[in-house]
Amino acid sequence: MIQISPSRNIDENEISVEYFKASGPGGQNINKVSTAVRLRIHIQSTPSLSFEEKQRLIRLAGNRLTDDGFLIIEAKTYRTQEKNRLDAIQRLIHIFKAAIIIPKTRIKTKPSRKAKATRKLEKKKRGELKINRRYIPDDW
């Protein structure tokens, strides 16, 4: 079980882990060992999230989401399989935590009477400054 929050867990059977050869640092080792990790989880079939949370996760996933509804996370930063696997799991936990959080709804506000008056006064000053910069041939 992978713990997302104190009350939420992801069953490891829901996640498929695939190892493949990565590009990057590693010397000759890179040609011999499959160190990169690809995690796949089907979002719609996971019981760990509610419907609303799944919708937020789909929106957050962006291009990491396939047309089949799989969330794919690739990790190939490190030279070892284990570090890359932990990195991929941490990223999965991070995106799940972000999906669990309910975003605050924005409360529309109007500027106060004083703020409107200050804005108009600043605009008036700025306009007068620009008028004073003008070249008027009759004044010369």
C-alpha atoms as a PDB file:
ATOM      1  CA  MET A   1       0.000   0.000   0.000  1.00  0.00           C
ATOM      2  CA  ILE A   2       1.247   3.439  -0.961  1.00  0.00           C
ATOM      3  CA  GLN A   3       0.054   6.078   1.477  1.00  0.00           C
ATOM      4  CA  ILE A   4      -1.175   9.363  -0.028  1.00  0.00           C
ATOM      5  CA  SER A   5      -2.585  10.864   3.164  1.00  0.00           C
ATOM      6  CA  PRO A   6      -3.396   9.448   6.601  1.00  0.00           C
ATOM      7  CA  SER A   7      -6.794   8.252   5.373  1.00  0.00           C
ATOM      8  CA  ARG A   8      -5.955   7.456   1.729  1.00  0.00           C
ATOM      9  CA  ASN A   9      -3.938   4.620   0.220  1.00  0.00           C
ATOM     10  CA  ILE A  10      -3.242   3.296  -3.262  1.00  0.00           C
ATOM     11  CA  ASP A  11      -3.074  -0.460  -3.635  1.00  0.00           C
ATOM     12  CA  GLU A  12       0.192  -1.478  -5.320  1.00  0.00           C
ATOM     13  CA  ASN A  13      -1.739  -3.952  -7.483  1.00  0.00           C
ATOM     14  CA  GLU A  14      -3.382  -0.994  -9.270  1.00  0.00           C
ATOM     15  CA  ILE A  15       0.010   0.243 -10.467  1.00  0.00           C
ATOM     16  CA  SER A  16       1.993  -1.477 -13.183  1.00  0.00           C
ATOM     17  CA  VAL A  17       5.750  -0.852 -13.156  1.00  0.00           C
ATOM     18  CA  GLU A  18       7.839  -1.233 -16.286  1.00  0.00           C
ATOM     19  CA  TYR A  19      11.612  -0.891 -16.535  1.00  0.00           C
ATOM     20  CA  PHE A  20      13.374   0.242 -19.700  1.00  0.00           C
ATOM     21  CA  LYS A  21      16.757   1.505 -20.849  1.00  0.00           C
ATOM     22  CA  ALA A  22      17.201   5.215 -20.220  1.00  0.00           C
ATOM     23  CA  SER A  23      19.304   7.831 -21.925  1.00  0.00           C
ATOM     24  CA  GLY A  24      21.635  10.102 -19.975  1.00  0.00           C
ATOM     25  CA  PRO A  25      24.453   9.500 -17.495  1.00  0.00           C
ATOM     26  CA  GLY A  26      25.662   6.021 -16.701  1.00  0.00           C
ATOM     27  CA  GLY A  27      28.488   5.232 -19.097  1.00  0.00           C
ATOM     28  CA  GLN A  28      28.525   1.661 -20.430  1.00  0.00           C
ATOM     29  CA  ASN A  29      26.058   0.709 -17.718  1.00  0.00           C
ATOM     30  CA  ILE A  30      23.349   2.553 -19.649  1.00  0.00           C
ATOM     31  CA  ASN A  31      23.625   0.042 -22.521  1.00  0.00           C
ATOM     32  CA  LYS A  32      23.288  -2.997 -20.269  1.00  0.00           C
ATOM     33  CA  VAL A  33      20.819  -2.165 -17.482  1.00  0.00           C
ATOM     34  CA  SER A  34      17.201  -1.032 -17.675  1.00  0.00           C
ATOM     35  CA  THR A  35      17.225   1.705 -15.046  1.00  0.00           C
ATOM     36  CA  ALA A  36      14.348   3.946 -16.143  1.00  0.00           C
ATOM     37  CA  VAL A  37      10.897   3.351 -14.668  1.00  0.00           C
ATOM     38  CA  ARG A  38       7.435   3.829 -16.146  1.00  0.00           C
ATOM     39  CA  LEU A  39       4.448   3.712 -13.771  1.00  0.00           C
ATOM     40  CA  ARG A  40       0.968   3.208 -15.191  1.00  0.00           C
ATOM     41  CA  ILE A  41      -2.294   3.539 -13.291  1.00  0.00           C
ATOM     42  CA  HIS A  42      -5.822   3.541 -14.693  1.00  0.00           C
ATOM     43  CA  ILE A  43      -7.506   6.577 -13.158  1.00  0.00           C
ATOM     44  CA  GLN A  44     -11.158   5.631 -13.733  1.00  0.00           C
ATOM     45  CA  SER A  45     -10.831   2.199 -12.112  1.00  0.00           C
ATOM     46  CA  THR A  46      -8.952   3.288  -8.968  1.00  0.00           C
ATOM     47  CA  PRO A  47     -11.130   3.129  -5.834  1.00  0.00           C
ATOM     48  CA  SER A  48      -8.732   5.472  -3.998  1.00  0.00           C
ATOM     49  CA  LEU A  49     -10.397   8.636  -5.351  1.00  0.00           C
ATOM     50  CA  SER A  50     -13.940   9.961  -5.596  1.00  0.00           C
ATOM     51  CA  PHE A  51     -15.455  11.043  -8.925  1.00  0.00           C
ATOM     52  CA  GLU A  52     -14.666  14.748  -8.340  1.00  0.00           C
ATOM     53  CA  GLU A  53     -11.086  13.938  -7.348  1.00  0.00           C
ATOM     54  CA  LYS A  54     -10.663  11.819 -10.477  1.00  0.00           C
ATOM     55  CA  GLN A  55     -11.870  14.743 -12.594  1.00  0.00           C
ATOM     56  CA  ARG A  56      -9.349  17.067 -10.905  1.00  0.00           C
ATOM     57  CA  LEU A  57      -6.610  14.458 -11.437  1.00  0.00           C
ATOM     58  CA  ILE A  58      -7.471  14.219 -15.147  1.00  0.00           C
ATOM     59  CA  ARG A  59      -7.203  18.009 -15.413  1.00  0.00           C
ATOM     60  CA  LEU A  60      -3.897  18.051 -13.504  1.00  0.00           C
ATOM     61  CA  ALA A  61      -2.353  15.163 -15.439  1.00  0.00           C
ATOM     62  CA  GLY A  62      -2.211  17.017 -18.745  1.00  0.00           C
ATOM     63  CA  ASN A  63      -0.116  15.187 -21.348  1.00  0.00           C
ATOM     64  CA  ARG A  64       0.768  12.392 -18.901  1.00  0.00           C
ATOM     65  CA  LEU A  65      -2.719  10.987 -19.468  1.00  0.00           C
ATOM     66  CA  THR A  66      -3.334   8.607 -22.382  1.00  0.00           C
ATOM     67  CA  ASP A  67      -6.531   8.325 -24.416  1.00  0.00           C
ATOM     68  CA  ASP A  68      -7.252   5.037 -22.606  1.00  0.00           C
ATOM     69  CA  GLY A  69      -7.341   6.842 -19.244  1.00  0.00           C
ATOM     70  CA  PHE A  70      -3.940   5.693 -17.972  1.00  0.00           C
ATOM     71  CA  LEU A  71      -1.731   8.074 -16.032  1.00  0.00           C
ATOM     72  CA  ILE A  72       1.891   7.445 -17.051  1.00  0.00           C
ATOM     73  CA  ILE A  73       4.828   8.687 -14.998  1.00  0.00           C
ATOM     74  CA  GLU A  74       8.366   8.129 -16.265  1.00  0.00           C
ATOM     75  CA  ALA A  75      11.455   8.520 -14.085  1.00  0.00           C
ATOM     76  CA  LYS A  76      14.939   8.287 -15.528  1.00  0.00           C
ATOM     77  CA  THR A  77      16.876  10.887 -13.565  1.00  0.00           C
ATOM     78  CA  TYR A  78      18.941   8.535 -11.442  1.00  0.00           C
ATOM     79  CA  ARG A  79      21.380   5.761 -12.368  1.00  0.00           C
ATOM     80  CA  THR A  80      19.673   3.052 -10.313  1.00  0.00           C
ATOM     81  CA  GLN A  81      16.348   1.333 -10.798  1.00  0.00           C
ATOM     82  CA  GLU A  82      15.403   1.693  -7.138  1.00  0.00           C
ATOM     83  CA  LYS A  83      15.971   5.468  -7.000  1.00  0.00           C
ATOM     84  CA  ASN A  84      14.015   5.979 -10.210  1.00  0.00           C
ATOM     85  CA  ARG A  85      11.182   3.801  -8.874  1.00  0.00           C
ATOM     86  CA  LEU A  86      11.025   5.835  -5.653  1.00  0.00           C
ATOM     87  CA  ASP A  87      11.111   9.061  -7.667  1.00  0.00           C
ATOM     88  CA  ALA A  88       8.196   7.912  -9.837  1.00  0.00           C
ATOM     89  CA  ILE A  89       6.181   6.872  -6.776  1.00  0.00           C
ATOM     90  CA  GLN A  90       6.860  10.236  -5.103  1.00  0.00           C
ATOM     91  CA  ARG A  91       5.631  12.045  -8.214  1.00  0.00           C
ATOM     92  CA  LEU A  92       2.520   9.850  -8.266  1.00  0.00           C
ATOM     93  CA  ILE A  93       1.832  10.675  -4.613  1.00  0.00           C
ATOM     94  CA  HIS A  94       2.368  14.381  -5.314  1.00  0.00           C
ATOM     95  CA  ILE A  95      -0.147  14.474  -8.183  1.00  0.00           C
ATOM     96  CA  PHE A  96      -2.694  12.449  -6.162  1.00  0.00           C
ATOM     97  CA  LYS A  97      -2.311  14.846  -3.195  1.00  0.00           C
ATOM     98  CA  ALA A  98      -2.887  17.799  -5.522  1.00  0.00           C
ATOM     99  CA  ALA A  99      -6.068  16.155  -6.844  1.00  0.00           C
ATOM    100  CA  ILE A 100      -7.412  15.530  -3.329  1.00  0.00           C
ATOM    101  CA  ILE A 101      -7.199  19.212  -2.346  1.00  0.00           C
ATOM    102  CA  ILE A 102     -10.439  21.060  -3.061  1.00  0.00           C
ATOM    103  CA  PRO A 103      -9.569  24.393  -4.714  1.00  0.00           C
ATOM    104  CA  LYS A 104     -10.952  27.523  -3.114  1.00  0.00           C
ATOM    105  CA  THR A 105     -13.656  29.291  -5.094  1.00  0.00           C
ATOM    106  CA  ARG A 106     -12.805  32.879  -5.907  1.00  0.00           C
ATOM    107  CA  ILE A 107     -15.089  35.444  -4.332  1.00  0.00           C
ATOM    108  CA  LYS A 108     -15.630  38.360  -6.688  1.00  0.00           C
ATOM    109  CA  THR A 109     -15.045  41.742  -5.102  1.00  0.00           C
ATOM    110  CA  LYS A 110     -15.530  45.270  -6.355  1.00  0.00           C
ATOM    111  CA  PRO A 111     -13.010  48.071  -5.828  1.00  0.00           C
ATOM    112  CA  SER A 112     -13.959  50.487  -3.081  1.00  0.00           C
ATOM    113  CA  ARG A 113     -15.036  54.078  -3.744  1.00  0.00           C
ATOM    114  CA  LYS A 114     -11.678  55.332  -2.442  1.00  0.00           C
ATOM    115  CA  ALA A 115      -9.753  52.936  -4.724  1.00  0.00           C
ATOM    116  CA  LYS A 116     -11.746  54.156  -7.741  1.00  0.00           C
ATOM    117  CA  ALA A 117     -11.105  57.800  -6.843  1.00  0.00           C
ATOM    118  CA  THR A 118      -7.368  57.179  -6.328  1.00  0.00           C
ATOM    119  CA  ARG A 119      -7.162  55.423  -9.690  1.00  0.00           C
ATOM    120  CA  LYS A 120      -8.862  58.313 -11.466  1.00  0.00           C
ATOM    121  CA  LEU A 121      -6.589  60.822  -9.749  1.00  0.00           C
ATOM    122  CA  GLU A 122      -3.479  58.884 -10.826  1.00  0.00           C
ATOM    123  CA  LYS A 123      -4.790  58.719 -14.403  1.00  0.00           C
ATOM    124  CA  LYS A 124      -5.412  62.465 -14.357  1.00  0.00           C
ATOM    125  CA  LYS A 125      -1.852  63.167 -13.110  1.00  0.00           C
ATOM    126  CA  ARG A 126      -0.367  60.881 -15.743  1.00  0.00           C
ATOM    127  CA  GLY A 127      -2.378  62.585 -18.500  1.00  0.00           C
ATOM    128  CA  GLU A 128      -1.269  66.044 -17.357  1.00  0.00           C
ATOM    129  CA  LEU A 129       2.356  64.890 -17.373  1.00  0.00           C
ATOM    130  CA  LYS A 130       1.977  63.704 -20.957  1.00  0.00           C
ATOM    131  CA  ILE A 131       0.297  66.958 -21.999  1.00  0.00           C
ATOM    132  CA  ASN A 132       3.222  68.936 -20.549  1.00  0.00           C
ATOM    133  CA  ARG A 133       5.671  66.898 -22.635  1.00  0.00           C
ATOM    134  CA  ARG A 134       4.014  67.850 -25.919  1.00  0.00           C
ATOM    135  CA  TYR A 135       5.823  70.044 -28.398  1.00  0.00           C
ATOM    136  CA  ILE A 136       3.747  73.091 -29.311  1.00  0.00           C
ATOM    137  CA  PRO A 137       5.515  75.243 -31.954  1.00  0.00           C
ATOM    138  CA  ASP A 138       3.673  78.456 -30.930  1.00  0.00           C
ATOM    139  CA  ASP A 139       5.218  78.326 -27.436  1.00  0.00           C
ATOM    140  CA  TRP A 140       8.749  78.541 -28.908  1.00  0.00           C
END
